[in-house]
Amino acid sequence: MSSSISLIGMAGAGKSSIAYELANKLDFKIIDSDKMIEQSQDLSLQGIFDLVGYAKFKKIEEEILLSVDFNKIILSTGGSAVYSEKAMEYLMQNSKVFFLAVPFKIILERVENFSERGFVKLPDQTISDVFEEREYLYKKYCHHVIDNSFDVSTGVSKILELC
């Protein structure tokens, strides 16, 4: 059993739901990096993004991820965590990283409004562009890919089998 688990994937992939169930089953603490970012800036993700822009937001996110003390932790990352090679290498060295893979069609069904989620993208990118760009990075920076198209308990069971 790994001493910590990190979950990566798109908004709507189920990171928070899976983290909650894993934490209950393993008696680990949950850390949500998006909530840590919001607390550090005393703003919503969208508010931070609007205020500081793309590059500065990614730097703040990297600093937060590098500050995580992995000891019986389930880390639920923001979807844009994979834009920091330094942070992702840190996660991979200190936890078992699972990419919660979900087809684009299901992501669109699960997320009603990307514009209010603090969704990190360049102004000229579509949600589809970001999905394709990140898909490669998620696979690059994980130990295991989990198909999380199903219910939470199925995803949790798949992860527990690999820990």
C-alpha atoms as a PDB file:
ATOM      1  CA  MET A   1       0.000   0.000   0.000  1.00  0.00           C
ATOM      2  CA  SER A   2       1.331   3.387  -1.001  1.00  0.00           C
ATOM      3  CA  SER A   3       1.549   5.884   1.844  1.00  0.00           C
ATOM      4  CA  SER A   4      -0.285   8.467  -0.299  1.00  0.00           C
ATOM      5  CA  ILE A   5      -2.374   8.659  -3.460  1.00  0.00           C
ATOM      6  CA  SER A   6      -2.737  11.530  -5.938  1.00  0.00           C
ATOM      7  CA  LEU A   7      -5.649  11.783  -8.361  1.00  0.00           C
ATOM      8  CA  ILE A   8      -5.309  13.656 -11.641  1.00  0.00           C
ATOM      9  CA  GLY A   9      -7.732  14.234 -14.495  1.00  0.00           C
ATOM     10  CA  MET A  10     -10.081  16.706 -16.124  1.00  0.00           C
ATOM     11  CA  ALA A  11     -12.762  18.651 -14.319  1.00  0.00           C
ATOM     12  CA  GLY A  12     -15.646  16.203 -14.038  1.00  0.00           C
ATOM     13  CA  ALA A  13     -13.411  13.114 -13.935  1.00  0.00           C
ATOM     14  CA  GLY A  14     -14.521  12.332 -10.376  1.00  0.00           C
ATOM     15  CA  LYS A  15     -11.370  13.226  -8.434  1.00  0.00           C
ATOM     16  CA  SER A  16     -13.188  14.688  -5.419  1.00  0.00           C
ATOM     17  CA  SER A  17     -15.739  11.865  -5.196  1.00  0.00           C
ATOM     18  CA  ILE A  18     -13.076   9.168  -5.487  1.00  0.00           C
ATOM     19  CA  ALA A  19     -10.833  10.988  -2.971  1.00  0.00           C
ATOM     20  CA  TYR A  20     -13.625  11.078  -0.396  1.00  0.00           C
ATOM     21  CA  GLU A  21     -14.358   7.344  -0.708  1.00  0.00           C
ATOM     22  CA  LEU A  22     -10.676   6.370  -0.690  1.00  0.00           C
ATOM     23  CA  ALA A  23     -10.023   8.496   2.388  1.00  0.00           C
ATOM     24  CA  ASN A  24     -12.910   6.807   4.214  1.00  0.00           C
ATOM     25  CA  LYS A  25     -11.753   3.313   3.289  1.00  0.00           C
ATOM     26  CA  LEU A  26      -8.057   3.904   4.031  1.00  0.00           C
ATOM     27  CA  ASP A  27      -8.421   6.358   6.922  1.00  0.00           C
ATOM     28  CA  PHE A  28      -6.264   8.873   5.021  1.00  0.00           C
ATOM     29  CA  LYS A  29      -6.611  12.653   5.040  1.00  0.00           C
ATOM     30  CA  ILE A  30      -7.995  14.384   1.913  1.00  0.00           C
ATOM     31  CA  ILE A  31      -6.219  17.354   0.433  1.00  0.00           C
ATOM     32  CA  ASP A  32      -7.901  19.224  -2.412  1.00  0.00           C
ATOM     33  CA  SER A  33      -5.306  21.393  -4.151  1.00  0.00           C
ATOM     34  CA  ASP A  34      -7.969  23.653  -5.674  1.00  0.00           C
ATOM     35  CA  LYS A  35      -9.295  24.449  -2.191  1.00  0.00           C
ATOM     36  CA  MET A  36      -5.733  25.088  -0.993  1.00  0.00           C
ATOM     37  CA  ILE A  37      -5.233  27.556  -3.854  1.00  0.00           C
ATOM     38  CA  GLU A  38      -8.493  29.332  -3.020  1.00  0.00           C
ATOM     39  CA  GLN A  39      -7.580  29.542   0.682  1.00  0.00           C
ATOM     40  CA  SER A  40      -4.084  30.840  -0.075  1.00  0.00           C
ATOM     41  CA  GLN A  41      -5.478  33.697  -2.186  1.00  0.00           C
ATOM     42  CA  ASP A  42      -8.816  34.182  -0.371  1.00  0.00           C
ATOM     43  CA  LEU A  43     -10.607  34.047  -3.725  1.00  0.00           C
ATOM     44  CA  SER A  44     -12.430  31.501  -5.877  1.00  0.00           C
ATOM     45  CA  LEU A  45     -10.390  29.740  -8.558  1.00  0.00           C
ATOM     46  CA  GLN A  46     -12.140  31.769 -11.236  1.00  0.00           C
ATOM     47  CA  GLY A  47     -11.510  34.966  -9.268  1.00  0.00           C
ATOM     48  CA  ILE A  48      -7.805  34.156  -8.981  1.00  0.00           C
ATOM     49  CA  PHE A  49      -7.573  33.262 -12.656  1.00  0.00           C
ATOM     50  CA  ASP A  50      -9.359  36.470 -13.664  1.00  0.00           C
ATOM     51  CA  LEU A  51      -7.123  38.560 -11.389  1.00  0.00           C
ATOM     52  CA  VAL A  52      -3.671  37.111 -12.088  1.00  0.00           C
ATOM     53  CA  GLY A  53      -4.021  35.369 -15.453  1.00  0.00           C
ATOM     54  CA  TYR A  54      -2.907  32.052 -16.882  1.00  0.00           C
ATOM     55  CA  ALA A  55       0.846  32.082 -16.163  1.00  0.00           C
ATOM     56  CA  LYS A  56       0.626  33.374 -12.582  1.00  0.00           C
ATOM     57  CA  PHE A  57      -2.213  30.977 -11.761  1.00  0.00           C
ATOM     58  CA  LYS A  58      -0.101  28.027 -12.902  1.00  0.00           C
ATOM     59  CA  LYS A  59       2.789  29.256 -10.717  1.00  0.00           C
ATOM     60  CA  ILE A  60       0.516  29.515  -7.662  1.00  0.00           C
ATOM     61  CA  GLU A  61      -0.783  26.009  -8.353  1.00  0.00           C
ATOM     62  CA  GLU A  62       2.759  24.655  -8.667  1.00  0.00           C
ATOM     63  CA  GLU A  63       3.781  26.199  -5.326  1.00  0.00           C
ATOM     64  CA  ILE A  64       0.725  24.699  -3.602  1.00  0.00           C
ATOM     65  CA  LEU A  65       1.397  21.225  -5.037  1.00  0.00           C
ATOM     66  CA  LEU A  66       5.061  21.372  -4.013  1.00  0.00           C
ATOM     67  CA  SER A  67       3.996  22.240  -0.448  1.00  0.00           C
ATOM     68  CA  VAL A  68       1.944  19.048   0.088  1.00  0.00           C
ATOM     69  CA  ASP A  69       3.343  16.893   2.887  1.00  0.00           C
ATOM     70  CA  PHE A  70       2.589  13.351   1.784  1.00  0.00           C
ATOM     71  CA  ASN A  71       1.791  11.120   4.749  1.00  0.00           C
ATOM     72  CA  LYS A  72      -1.387   9.069   4.418  1.00  0.00           C
ATOM     73  CA  ILE A  73      -2.834  11.641   2.031  1.00  0.00           C
ATOM     74  CA  ILE A  74      -5.354  11.406  -0.777  1.00  0.00           C
ATOM     75  CA  LEU A  75      -4.578  14.400  -2.990  1.00  0.00           C
ATOM     76  CA  SER A  76      -7.285  15.566  -5.366  1.00  0.00           C
ATOM     77  CA  THR A  77      -5.560  17.885  -7.821  1.00  0.00           C
ATOM     78  CA  GLY A  78      -6.952  20.565 -10.068  1.00  0.00           C
ATOM     79  CA  GLY A  79      -7.182  19.523 -13.697  1.00  0.00           C
ATOM     80  CA  SER A  80      -4.375  21.900 -14.656  1.00  0.00           C
ATOM     81  CA  ALA A  81      -1.835  20.429 -12.209  1.00  0.00           C
ATOM     82  CA  VAL A  82      -0.198  18.556 -15.093  1.00  0.00           C
ATOM     83  CA  TYR A  83       1.068  21.818 -16.595  1.00  0.00           C
ATOM     84  CA  SER A  84       3.869  21.831 -13.994  1.00  0.00           C
ATOM     85  CA  GLU A  85       6.517  19.221 -14.715  1.00  0.00           C
ATOM     86  CA  LYS A  86       8.217  20.016 -11.397  1.00  0.00           C
ATOM     87  CA  ALA A  87       5.020  19.520  -9.390  1.00  0.00           C
ATOM     88  CA  MET A  88       4.071  16.332 -11.217  1.00  0.00           C
ATOM     89  CA  GLU A  89       7.487  14.790 -10.672  1.00  0.00           C
ATOM     90  CA  TYR A  90       7.113  15.664  -6.973  1.00  0.00           C
ATOM     91  CA  LEU A  91       3.713  13.954  -6.860  1.00  0.00           C
ATOM     92  CA  MET A  92       5.057  10.873  -8.645  1.00  0.00           C
ATOM     93  CA  GLN A  93       7.981  10.590  -6.219  1.00  0.00           C
ATOM     94  CA  ASN A  94       5.825  10.981  -3.113  1.00  0.00           C
ATOM     95  CA  SER A  95       2.576   9.246  -3.978  1.00  0.00           C
ATOM     96  CA  LYS A  96       0.995   6.763  -6.327  1.00  0.00           C
ATOM     97  CA  VAL A  97      -0.573   8.873  -9.094  1.00  0.00           C
ATOM     98  CA  PHE A  98      -3.807   7.733 -10.749  1.00  0.00           C
ATOM     99  CA  PHE A  99      -5.199   9.356 -13.881  1.00  0.00           C
ATOM    100  CA  LEU A 100      -8.988   9.170 -13.781  1.00  0.00           C
ATOM    101  CA  ALA A 101      -9.732   8.841 -17.481  1.00  0.00           C
ATOM    102  CA  VAL A 102     -13.199   9.750 -18.674  1.00  0.00           C
ATOM    103  CA  PRO A 103     -14.286  10.201 -22.305  1.00  0.00           C
ATOM    104  CA  PHE A 104     -14.821  13.798 -23.422  1.00  0.00           C
ATOM    105  CA  LYS A 105     -18.545  13.219 -24.008  1.00  0.00           C
ATOM    106  CA  ILE A 106     -19.033  12.168 -20.371  1.00  0.00           C
ATOM    107  CA  ILE A 107     -16.972  15.126 -19.102  1.00  0.00           C
ATOM    108  CA  LEU A 108     -19.338  17.447 -20.971  1.00  0.00           C
ATOM    109  CA  GLU A 109     -22.323  15.693 -19.378  1.00  0.00           C
ATOM    110  CA  ARG A 110     -20.831  15.979 -15.876  1.00  0.00           C
ATOM    111  CA  VAL A 111     -19.661  19.611 -16.055  1.00  0.00           C
ATOM    112  CA  GLU A 112     -22.449  22.046 -16.766  1.00  0.00           C
ATOM    113  CA  ASN A 113     -20.439  25.259 -16.971  1.00  0.00           C
ATOM    114  CA  PHE A 114     -16.670  25.375 -17.414  1.00  0.00           C
ATOM    115  CA  SER A 115     -16.611  29.177 -17.300  1.00  0.00           C
ATOM    116  CA  GLU A 116     -17.485  29.201 -13.593  1.00  0.00           C
ATOM    117  CA  ARG A 117     -15.064  26.458 -12.504  1.00  0.00           C
ATOM    118  CA  GLY A 118     -11.767  28.290 -12.712  1.00  0.00           C
ATOM    119  CA  PHE A 119     -10.961  26.190 -15.749  1.00  0.00           C
ATOM    120  CA  VAL A 120      -7.383  26.963 -16.824  1.00  0.00           C
ATOM    121  CA  LYS A 121      -7.059  27.494 -20.549  1.00  0.00           C
ATOM    122  CA  LEU A 122      -5.718  30.041 -22.956  1.00  0.00           C
ATOM    123  CA  PRO A 123      -8.305  32.424 -24.446  1.00  0.00           C
ATOM    124  CA  ASP A 124      -8.092  30.848 -27.897  1.00  0.00           C
ATOM    125  CA  GLN A 125      -8.453  27.252 -26.650  1.00  0.00           C
ATOM    126  CA  THR A 126     -11.700  25.304 -26.680  1.00  0.00           C
ATOM    127  CA  ILE A 127     -12.603  22.784 -23.983  1.00  0.00           C
ATOM    128  CA  SER A 128     -11.919  20.076 -26.569  1.00  0.00           C
ATOM    129  CA  ASP A 129      -8.437  21.521 -27.261  1.00  0.00           C
ATOM    130  CA  VAL A 130      -7.625  21.492 -23.555  1.00  0.00           C
ATOM    131  CA  PHE A 131      -8.944  17.939 -23.166  1.00  0.00           C
ATOM    132  CA  GLU A 132      -6.657  16.699 -25.948  1.00  0.00           C
ATOM    133  CA  GLU A 133      -3.653  18.638 -24.650  1.00  0.00           C
ATOM    134  CA  ARG A 134      -4.073  17.401 -21.087  1.00  0.00           C
ATOM    135  CA  GLU A 135      -4.873  13.797 -22.009  1.00  0.00           C
ATOM    136  CA  TYR A 136      -1.258  13.333 -23.116  1.00  0.00           C
ATOM    137  CA  LEU A 137       0.082  14.969 -19.933  1.00  0.00           C
ATOM    138  CA  TYR A 138      -2.188  12.943 -17.638  1.00  0.00           C
ATOM    139  CA  LYS A 139      -0.871   9.728 -19.166  1.00  0.00           C
ATOM    140  CA  LYS A 140       2.709  10.969 -18.953  1.00  0.00           C
ATOM    141  CA  TYR A 141       2.475  11.836 -15.259  1.00  0.00           C
ATOM    142  CA  CYS A 142       0.689   8.864 -13.749  1.00  0.00           C
ATOM    143  CA  HIS A 143       1.516   5.421 -12.477  1.00  0.00           C
ATOM    144  CA  HIS A 144      -1.876   4.012 -13.473  1.00  0.00           C
ATOM    145  CA  VAL A 145      -4.781   4.972 -15.734  1.00  0.00           C
ATOM    146  CA  ILE A 146      -8.224   4.224 -14.291  1.00  0.00           C
ATOM    147  CA  ASP A 147     -11.345   4.306 -16.455  1.00  0.00           C
ATOM    148  CA  ASN A 148     -13.672   6.348 -14.273  1.00  0.00           C
ATOM    149  CA  SER A 149     -16.665   6.337 -16.604  1.00  0.00           C
ATOM    150  CA  PHE A 150     -18.671   4.301 -14.125  1.00  0.00           C
ATOM    151  CA  ASP A 151     -19.787   4.743 -10.524  1.00  0.00           C
ATOM    152  CA  VAL A 152     -17.524   5.898  -7.698  1.00  0.00           C
ATOM    153  CA  SER A 153     -17.278   2.509  -5.987  1.00  0.00           C
ATOM    154  CA  THR A 154     -15.992   0.894  -9.200  1.00  0.00           C
ATOM    155  CA  GLY A 155     -13.257   3.532  -9.521  1.00  0.00           C
ATOM    156  CA  VAL A 156     -12.308   3.154  -5.867  1.00  0.00           C
ATOM    157  CA  SER A 157     -12.132  -0.647  -6.176  1.00  0.00           C
ATOM    158  CA  LYS A 158      -9.858  -0.386  -9.239  1.00  0.00           C
ATOM    159  CA  ILE A 159      -7.499   1.958  -7.378  1.00  0.00           C
ATOM    160  CA  LEU A 160      -7.413  -0.204  -4.255  1.00  0.00           C
ATOM    161  CA  GLU A 161      -6.507  -3.237  -6.365  1.00  0.00           C
ATOM    162  CA  LEU A 162      -3.432  -1.374  -7.649  1.00  0.00           C
ATOM    163  CA  CYS A 163      -2.218   0.027  -4.317  1.00  0.00           C
END
